[in-house]
Amino acid sequence: MSIEELETYFEGIDLPETVYLNPAIKITDVKKFVRSHIITVKAHGHIRAYSSFMDRLLQLKEIIEAGNAPKTTDQSSM
């Protein structure tokens, strides 16, 4: 999947406010995460050291599609 396809995908859905990529990585501002990662991949995606940015975007897409992302932020933990 290309970065342009991912960008179109994320623009076309309602993103959750927070999501766990794994038990150790919690994204607290998913929109900002997506925006910053897309910018980074577009600027540096050809450099292998930046491949983790694309990997995390793909991982987030999989989590959202699997229905494992919360619909709202859990205010009780704040």
PDB file of N, CA and C in Angstrom:
ATOM      1  N   MET A   1       0.849  -1.173   0.000  1.00  0.00           N
ATOM      2  CA  MET A   1       0.000   0.000   0.000  1.00  0.00           C
ATOM      3  C   MET A   1       0.896   1.239   0.000  1.00  0.00           C
ATOM      4  N   SER A   2       0.544   2.189  -0.834  1.00  0.00           N
ATOM      5  CA  SER A   2       1.345   3.410  -0.940  1.00  0.00           C
ATOM      6  C   SER A   2       0.951   4.421   0.137  1.00  0.00           C
ATOM      7  N   ILE A   3       1.796   5.389   0.352  1.00  0.00           N
ATOM      8  CA  ILE A   3       1.503   6.436   1.328  1.00  0.00           C
ATOM      9  C   ILE A   3       0.285   7.248   0.888  1.00  0.00           C
ATOM     10  N   GLU A   4       0.120   7.418  -0.410  1.00  0.00           N
ATOM     11  CA  GLU A   4      -1.045   8.151  -0.917  1.00  0.00           C
ATOM     12  C   GLU A   4      -2.338   7.393  -0.617  1.00  0.00           C
ATOM     13  N   GLU A   5      -2.299   6.071  -0.759  1.00  0.00           N
ATOM     14  CA  GLU A   5      -3.467   5.249  -0.437  1.00  0.00           C
ATOM     15  C   GLU A   5      -3.781   5.305   1.051  1.00  0.00           C
ATOM     16  N   LEU A   6      -2.741   5.266   1.868  1.00  0.00           N
ATOM     17  CA  LEU A   6      -2.953   5.373   3.319  1.00  0.00           C
ATOM     18  C   LEU A   6      -3.517   6.738   3.699  1.00  0.00           C
ATOM     19  N   GLU A   7      -2.999   7.771   3.076  1.00  0.00           N
ATOM     20  CA  GLU A   7      -3.492   9.118   3.350  1.00  0.00           C
ATOM     21  C   GLU A   7      -4.978   9.217   3.004  1.00  0.00           C
ATOM     22  N   THR A   8      -5.367   8.700   1.870  1.00  0.00           N
ATOM     23  CA  THR A   8      -6.767   8.696   1.459  1.00  0.00           C
ATOM     24  C   THR A   8      -7.615   7.880   2.426  1.00  0.00           C
ATOM     25  N   TYR A   9      -7.096   6.742   2.854  1.00  0.00           N
ATOM     26  CA  TYR A   9      -7.815   5.896   3.802  1.00  0.00           C
ATOM     27  C   TYR A   9      -8.096   6.652   5.100  1.00  0.00           C
ATOM     28  N   PHE A  10      -7.068   7.251   5.685  1.00  0.00           N
ATOM     29  CA  PHE A  10      -7.231   7.933   6.974  1.00  0.00           C
ATOM     30  C   PHE A  10      -8.093   9.185   6.858  1.00  0.00           C
ATOM     31  N   GLU A  11      -8.074   9.842   5.699  1.00  0.00           N
ATOM     32  CA  GLU A  11      -8.930  11.018   5.498  1.00  0.00           C
ATOM     33  C   GLU A  11     -10.397  10.625   5.379  1.00  0.00           C
ATOM     34  N   GLY A  12     -10.666   9.392   4.967  1.00  0.00           N
ATOM     35  CA  GLY A  12     -12.023   8.960   4.711  1.00  0.00           C
ATOM     36  C   GLY A  12     -12.736   8.293   5.872  1.00  0.00           C
ATOM     37  N   ILE A  13     -12.094   8.245   7.047  1.00  0.00           N
ATOM     38  CA  ILE A  13     -12.728   7.578   8.191  1.00  0.00           C
ATOM     39  C   ILE A  13     -12.714   8.492   9.414  1.00  0.00           C
ATOM     40  N   ASP A  14     -13.558   8.157  10.377  1.00  0.00           N
ATOM     41  CA  ASP A  14     -13.526   8.830  11.672  1.00  0.00           C
ATOM     42  C   ASP A  14     -12.472   8.140  12.520  1.00  0.00           C
ATOM     43  N   LEU A  15     -11.467   8.888  12.920  1.00  0.00           N
ATOM     44  CA  LEU A  15     -10.381   8.317  13.717  1.00  0.00           C
ATOM     45  C   LEU A  15     -10.730   8.367  15.192  1.00  0.00           C
ATOM     46  N   PRO A  16     -10.342   7.343  15.944  1.00  0.00           N
ATOM     47  CA  PRO A  16     -10.520   7.400  17.397  1.00  0.00           C
ATOM     48  C   PRO A  16      -9.578   8.451  17.978  1.00  0.00           C
ATOM     49  N   GLU A  17      -9.866   8.891  19.190  1.00  0.00           N
ATOM     50  CA  GLU A  17      -8.982   9.874  19.829  1.00  0.00           C
ATOM     51  C   GLU A  17      -7.701   9.216  20.318  1.00  0.00           C
ATOM     52  N   THR A  18      -7.838   8.023  20.877  1.00  0.00           N
ATOM     53  CA  THR A  18      -6.676   7.290  21.388  1.00  0.00           C
ATOM     54  C   THR A  18      -6.728   5.861  20.888  1.00  0.00           C
ATOM     55  N   VAL A  19      -5.556   5.231  20.861  1.00  0.00           N
ATOM     56  CA  VAL A  19      -5.473   3.827  20.469  1.00  0.00           C
ATOM     57  C   VAL A  19      -4.159   3.250  20.996  1.00  0.00           C
ATOM     58  N   TYR A  20      -4.169   1.979  21.306  1.00  0.00           N
ATOM     59  CA  TYR A  20      -2.949   1.270  21.684  1.00  0.00           C
ATOM     60  C   TYR A  20      -2.451   0.505  20.462  1.00  0.00           C
ATOM     61  N   LEU A  21      -1.232   0.793  20.024  1.00  0.00           N
ATOM     62  CA  LEU A  21      -0.633  -0.007  18.956  1.00  0.00           C
ATOM     63  C   LEU A  21      -0.217  -1.365  19.503  1.00  0.00           C
ATOM     64  N   ASN A  22       0.189  -1.374  20.743  1.00  0.00           N
ATOM     65  CA  ASN A  22       0.499  -2.591  21.489  1.00  0.00           C
ATOM     66  C   ASN A  22       0.444  -2.209  22.964  1.00  0.00           C
ATOM     67  N   PRO A  23       0.619  -3.135  23.883  1.00  0.00           N
ATOM     68  CA  PRO A  23       0.498  -2.784  25.301  1.00  0.00           C
ATOM     69  C   PRO A  23       1.447  -1.670  25.773  1.00  0.00           C
ATOM     70  N   ALA A  24       2.522  -1.448  25.053  1.00  0.00           N
ATOM     71  CA  ALA A  24       3.508  -0.449  25.476  1.00  0.00           C
ATOM     72  C   ALA A  24       3.385   0.888  24.748  1.00  0.00           C
ATOM     73  N   ILE A  25       2.611   0.936  23.662  1.00  0.00           N
ATOM     74  CA  ILE A  25       2.526   2.164  22.869  1.00  0.00           C
ATOM     75  C   ILE A  25       1.081   2.632  22.787  1.00  0.00           C
ATOM     76  N   LYS A  26       0.793   3.752  23.473  1.00  0.00           N
ATOM     77  CA  LYS A  26      -0.527   4.364  23.435  1.00  0.00           C
ATOM     78  C   LYS A  26      -0.427   5.672  22.656  1.00  0.00           C
ATOM     79  N   ILE A  27      -1.255   5.797  21.629  1.00  0.00           N
ATOM     80  CA  ILE A  27      -1.322   7.038  20.859  1.00  0.00           C
ATOM     81  C   ILE A  27      -2.456   7.859  21.460  1.00  0.00           C
ATOM     82  N   THR A  28      -2.138   9.033  21.971  1.00  0.00           N
ATOM     83  CA  THR A  28      -3.148   9.845  22.643  1.00  0.00           C
ATOM     84  C   THR A  28      -3.808  10.870  21.730  1.00  0.00           C
ATOM     85  N   ASP A  29      -3.234  11.132  20.573  1.00  0.00           N
ATOM     86  CA  ASP A  29      -3.819  12.041  19.584  1.00  0.00           C
ATOM     87  C   ASP A  29      -3.627  11.402  18.213  1.00  0.00           C
ATOM     88  N   VAL A  30      -4.585  10.554  17.838  1.00  0.00           N
ATOM     89  CA  VAL A  30      -4.450   9.755  16.622  1.00  0.00           C
ATOM     90  C   VAL A  30      -4.375  10.636  15.380  1.00  0.00           C
ATOM     91  N   LYS A  31      -5.160  11.704  15.323  1.00  0.00           N
ATOM     92  CA  LYS A  31      -5.106  12.587  14.154  1.00  0.00           C
ATOM     93  C   LYS A  31      -3.719  13.188  13.980  1.00  0.00           C
ATOM     94  N   LYS A  32      -3.122  13.645  15.067  1.00  0.00           N
ATOM     95  CA  LYS A  32      -1.779  14.222  15.007  1.00  0.00           C
ATOM     96  C   LYS A  32      -0.751  13.151  14.637  1.00  0.00           C
ATOM     97  N   PHE A  33      -0.911  11.967  15.183  1.00  0.00           N
ATOM     98  CA  PHE A  33      -0.035  10.838  14.870  1.00  0.00           C
ATOM     99  C   PHE A  33      -0.053  10.549  13.370  1.00  0.00           C
ATOM    100  N   VAL A  34      -1.256  10.426  12.803  1.00  0.00           N
ATOM    101  CA  VAL A  34      -1.394  10.131  11.378  1.00  0.00           C
ATOM    102  C   VAL A  34      -0.779  11.240  10.540  1.00  0.00           C
ATOM    103  N   ARG A  35      -1.116  12.476  10.872  1.00  0.00           N
ATOM    104  CA  ARG A  35      -0.610  13.633  10.117  1.00  0.00           C
ATOM    105  C   ARG A  35       0.922  13.667  10.132  1.00  0.00           C
ATOM    106  N   SER A  36       1.519  13.518  11.315  1.00  0.00           N
ATOM    107  CA  SER A  36       2.978  13.608  11.425  1.00  0.00           C
ATOM    108  C   SER A  36       3.674  12.426  10.747  1.00  0.00           C
ATOM    109  N   HIS A  37       3.082  11.250  10.841  1.00  0.00           N
ATOM    110  CA  HIS A  37       3.688  10.087  10.206  1.00  0.00           C
ATOM    111  C   HIS A  37       3.601  10.173   8.679  1.00  0.00           C
ATOM    112  N   ILE A  38       2.488  10.653   8.152  1.00  0.00           N
ATOM    113  CA  ILE A  38       2.363  10.806   6.706  1.00  0.00           C
ATOM    114  C   ILE A  38       3.383  11.815   6.184  1.00  0.00           C
ATOM    115  N   ILE A  39       3.531  12.928   6.882  1.00  0.00           N
ATOM    116  CA  ILE A  39       4.526  13.939   6.494  1.00  0.00           C
ATOM    117  C   ILE A  39       5.930  13.330   6.490  1.00  0.00           C
ATOM    118  N   THR A  40       6.243  12.568   7.523  1.00  0.00           N
ATOM    119  CA  THR A  40       7.573  11.961   7.631  1.00  0.00           C
ATOM    120  C   THR A  40       7.812  10.954   6.513  1.00  0.00           C
ATOM    121  N   VAL A  41       6.833  10.115   6.239  1.00  0.00           N
ATOM    122  CA  VAL A  41       6.998   9.117   5.176  1.00  0.00           C
ATOM    123  C   VAL A  41       7.149   9.790   3.812  1.00  0.00           C
ATOM    124  N   LYS A  42       6.363  10.828   3.564  1.00  0.00           N
ATOM    125  CA  LYS A  42       6.483  11.533   2.285  1.00  0.00           C
ATOM    126  C   LYS A  42       7.861  12.170   2.126  1.00  0.00           C
ATOM    127  N   ALA A  43       8.407  12.684   3.218  1.00  0.00           N
ATOM    128  CA  ALA A  43       9.700  13.366   3.156  1.00  0.00           C
ATOM    129  C   ALA A  43      10.884  12.404   3.170  1.00  0.00           C
ATOM    130  N   HIS A  44      10.758  11.306   3.909  1.00  0.00           N
ATOM    131  CA  HIS A  44      11.915  10.434   4.136  1.00  0.00           C
ATOM    132  C   HIS A  44      11.642   8.958   3.893  1.00  0.00           C
ATOM    133  N   GLY A  45      10.497   8.638   3.308  1.00  0.00           N
ATOM    134  CA  GLY A  45      10.095   7.245   3.137  1.00  0.00           C
ATOM    135  C   GLY A  45      11.057   6.393   2.347  1.00  0.00           C
ATOM    136  N   HIS A  46      11.862   7.005   1.534  1.00  0.00           N
ATOM    137  CA  HIS A  46      12.834   6.266   0.734  1.00  0.00           C
ATOM    138  C   HIS A  46      14.057   5.843   1.550  1.00  0.00           C
ATOM    139  N   ILE A  47      14.181   6.351   2.761  1.00  0.00           N
ATOM    140  CA  ILE A  47      15.318   6.027   3.636  1.00  0.00           C
ATOM    141  C   ILE A  47      14.885   4.912   4.585  1.00  0.00           C
ATOM    142  N   ARG A  48      15.595   3.816   4.572  1.00  0.00           N
ATOM    143  CA  ARG A  48      15.232   2.633   5.354  1.00  0.00           C
ATOM    144  C   ARG A  48      15.053   2.934   6.843  1.00  0.00           C
ATOM    145  N   ALA A  49      15.812   3.828   7.381  1.00  0.00           N
ATOM    146  CA  ALA A  49      15.728   4.154   8.809  1.00  0.00           C
ATOM    147  C   ALA A  49      14.358   4.709   9.192  1.00  0.00           C
ATOM    148  N   TYR A  50      13.601   5.186   8.222  1.00  0.00           N
ATOM    149  CA  TYR A  50      12.283   5.756   8.490  1.00  0.00           C
ATOM    150  C   TYR A  50      11.151   4.772   8.195  1.00  0.00           C
ATOM    151  N   SER A  51      11.467   3.545   7.891  1.00  0.00           N
ATOM    152  CA  SER A  51      10.436   2.561   7.542  1.00  0.00           C
ATOM    153  C   SER A  51       9.471   2.285   8.689  1.00  0.00           C
ATOM    154  N   SER A  52       9.896   2.514   9.916  1.00  0.00           N
ATOM    155  CA  SER A  52       9.010   2.273  11.058  1.00  0.00           C
ATOM    156  C   SER A  52       7.798   3.211  11.049  1.00  0.00           C
ATOM    157  N   PHE A  53       7.923   4.379  10.444  1.00  0.00           N
ATOM    158  CA  PHE A  53       6.791   5.303  10.366  1.00  0.00           C
ATOM    159  C   PHE A  53       5.683   4.702   9.502  1.00  0.00           C
ATOM    160  N   MET A  54       6.050   4.125   8.374  1.00  0.00           N
ATOM    161  CA  MET A  54       5.088   3.472   7.498  1.00  0.00           C
ATOM    162  C   MET A  54       4.518   2.235   8.182  1.00  0.00           C
ATOM    163  N   ASP A  55       5.377   1.487   8.856  1.00  0.00           N
ATOM    164  CA  ASP A  55       4.931   0.289   9.576  1.00  0.00           C
ATOM    165  C   ASP A  55       3.871   0.625  10.614  1.00  0.00           C
ATOM    166  N   ARG A  56       4.072   1.711  11.362  1.00  0.00           N
ATOM    167  CA  ARG A  56       3.097   2.101  12.390  1.00  0.00           C
ATOM    168  C   ARG A  56       1.778   2.552  11.771  1.00  0.00           C
ATOM    169  N   LEU A  57       1.823   3.243  10.629  1.00  0.00           N
ATOM    170  CA  LEU A  57       0.585   3.622   9.949  1.00  0.00           C
ATOM    171  C   LEU A  57      -0.184   2.378   9.499  1.00  0.00           C
ATOM    172  N   LEU A  58       0.511   1.411   8.957  1.00  0.00           N
ATOM    173  CA  LEU A  58      -0.135   0.171   8.533  1.00  0.00           C
ATOM    174  C   LEU A  58      -0.704  -0.591   9.723  1.00  0.00           C
ATOM    175  N   GLN A  59       0.028  -0.586  10.826  1.00  0.00           N
ATOM    176  CA  GLN A  59      -0.440  -1.251  12.042  1.00  0.00           C
ATOM    177  C   GLN A  59      -1.710  -0.569  12.564  1.00  0.00           C
ATOM    178  N   LEU A  60      -1.726   0.751  12.558  1.00  0.00           N
ATOM    179  CA  LEU A  60      -2.910   1.490  12.997  1.00  0.00           C
ATOM    180  C   LEU A  60      -4.102   1.161  12.106  1.00  0.00           C
ATOM    181  N   LYS A  61      -3.893   1.099  10.810  1.00  0.00           N
ATOM    182  CA  LYS A  61      -4.964   0.755   9.873  1.00  0.00           C
ATOM    183  C   LYS A  61      -5.536  -0.617  10.203  1.00  0.00           C
ATOM    184  N   GLU A  62      -4.676  -1.577  10.454  1.00  0.00           N
ATOM    185  CA  GLU A  62      -5.121  -2.931  10.793  1.00  0.00           C
ATOM    186  C   GLU A  62      -5.942  -2.946  12.075  1.00  0.00           C
ATOM    187  N   ILE A  63      -5.511  -2.194  13.078  1.00  0.00           N
ATOM    188  CA  ILE A  63      -6.227  -2.135  14.352  1.00  0.00           C
ATOM    189  C   ILE A  63      -7.609  -1.527  14.154  1.00  0.00           C
ATOM    190  N   ILE A  64      -7.679  -0.449  13.399  1.00  0.00           N
ATOM    191  CA  ILE A  64      -8.965   0.208  13.149  1.00  0.00           C
ATOM    192  C   ILE A  64      -9.889  -0.728  12.375  1.00  0.00           C
ATOM    193  N   GLU A  65      -9.376  -1.371  11.336  1.00  0.00           N
ATOM    194  CA  GLU A  65     -10.197  -2.267  10.531  1.00  0.00           C
ATOM    195  C   GLU A  65     -10.668  -3.488  11.307  1.00  0.00           C
ATOM    196  N   ALA A  66      -9.874  -3.925  12.271  1.00  0.00           N
ATOM    197  CA  ALA A  66     -10.247  -5.077  13.084  1.00  0.00           C
ATOM    198  C   ALA A  66     -11.260  -4.699  14.166  1.00  0.00           C
ATOM    199  N   GLY A  67     -11.509  -3.403  14.308  1.00  0.00           N
ATOM    200  CA  GLY A  67     -12.460  -2.948  15.315  1.00  0.00           C
ATOM    201  C   GLY A  67     -11.890  -2.934  16.719  1.00  0.00           C
ATOM    202  N   ASN A  68     -10.575  -2.909  16.834  1.00  0.00           N
ATOM    203  CA  ASN A  68      -9.922  -2.934  18.134  1.00  0.00           C
ATOM    204  C   ASN A  68      -9.585  -1.545  18.671  1.00  0.00           C
ATOM    205  N   ALA A  69     -10.035  -0.504  17.992  1.00  0.00           N
ATOM    206  CA  ALA A  69      -9.768   0.865  18.437  1.00  0.00           C
ATOM    207  C   ALA A  69     -10.985   1.382  19.182  1.00  0.00           C
ATOM    208  N   PRO A  70     -10.775   2.072  20.297  1.00  0.00           N
ATOM    209  CA  PRO A  70     -11.909   2.638  21.023  1.00  0.00           C
ATOM    210  C   PRO A  70     -12.586   3.727  20.215  1.00  0.00           C
ATOM    211  N   LYS A  71     -13.883   3.889  20.413  1.00  0.00           N
ATOM    212  CA  LYS A  71     -14.628   4.918  19.689  1.00  0.00           C
ATOM    213  C   LYS A  71     -14.481   6.284  20.335  1.00  0.00           C
ATOM    214  N   THR A  72     -14.247   6.325  21.640  1.00  0.00           N
ATOM    215  CA  THR A  72     -14.073   7.579  22.358  1.00  0.00           C
ATOM    216  C   THR A  72     -12.954   7.437  23.371  1.00  0.00           C
ATOM    217  N   THR A  73     -12.520   8.568  23.894  1.00  0.00           N
ATOM    218  CA  THR A  73     -11.487   8.553  24.924  1.00  0.00           C
ATOM    219  C   THR A  73     -12.103   8.139  26.255  1.00  0.00           C
ATOM    220  N   ASP A  74     -11.400   7.324  27.003  1.00  0.00           N
ATOM    221  CA  ASP A  74     -11.841   6.907  28.337  1.00  0.00           C
ATOM    222  C   ASP A  74     -11.502   8.017  29.319  1.00  0.00           C
ATOM    223  N   GLN A  75     -12.492   8.783  29.691  1.00  0.00           N
ATOM    224  CA  GLN A  75     -12.289   9.930  30.577  1.00  0.00           C
ATOM    225  C   GLN A  75     -12.032   9.506  32.016  1.00  0.00           C
ATOM    226  N   SER A  76     -12.383   8.273  32.393  1.00  0.00           N
ATOM    227  CA  SER A  76     -12.216   7.851  33.770  1.00  0.00           C
ATOM    228  C   SER A  76     -10.761   7.697  34.176  1.00  0.00           C
ATOM    229  N   SER A  77      -9.873   7.540  33.215  1.00  0.00           N
ATOM    230  CA  SER A  77      -8.456   7.355  33.529  1.00  0.00           C
ATOM    231  C   SER A  77      -7.700   8.678  33.636  1.00  0.00           C
ATOM    232  N   MET A  78      -8.390   9.777  33.422  1.00  0.00           N
ATOM    233  CA  MET A  78      -7.732  11.083  33.471  1.00  0.00           C
ATOM    234  C   MET A  78      -7.811  11.678  34.848  1.00  0.00           C
TER     235      MET A  78
END
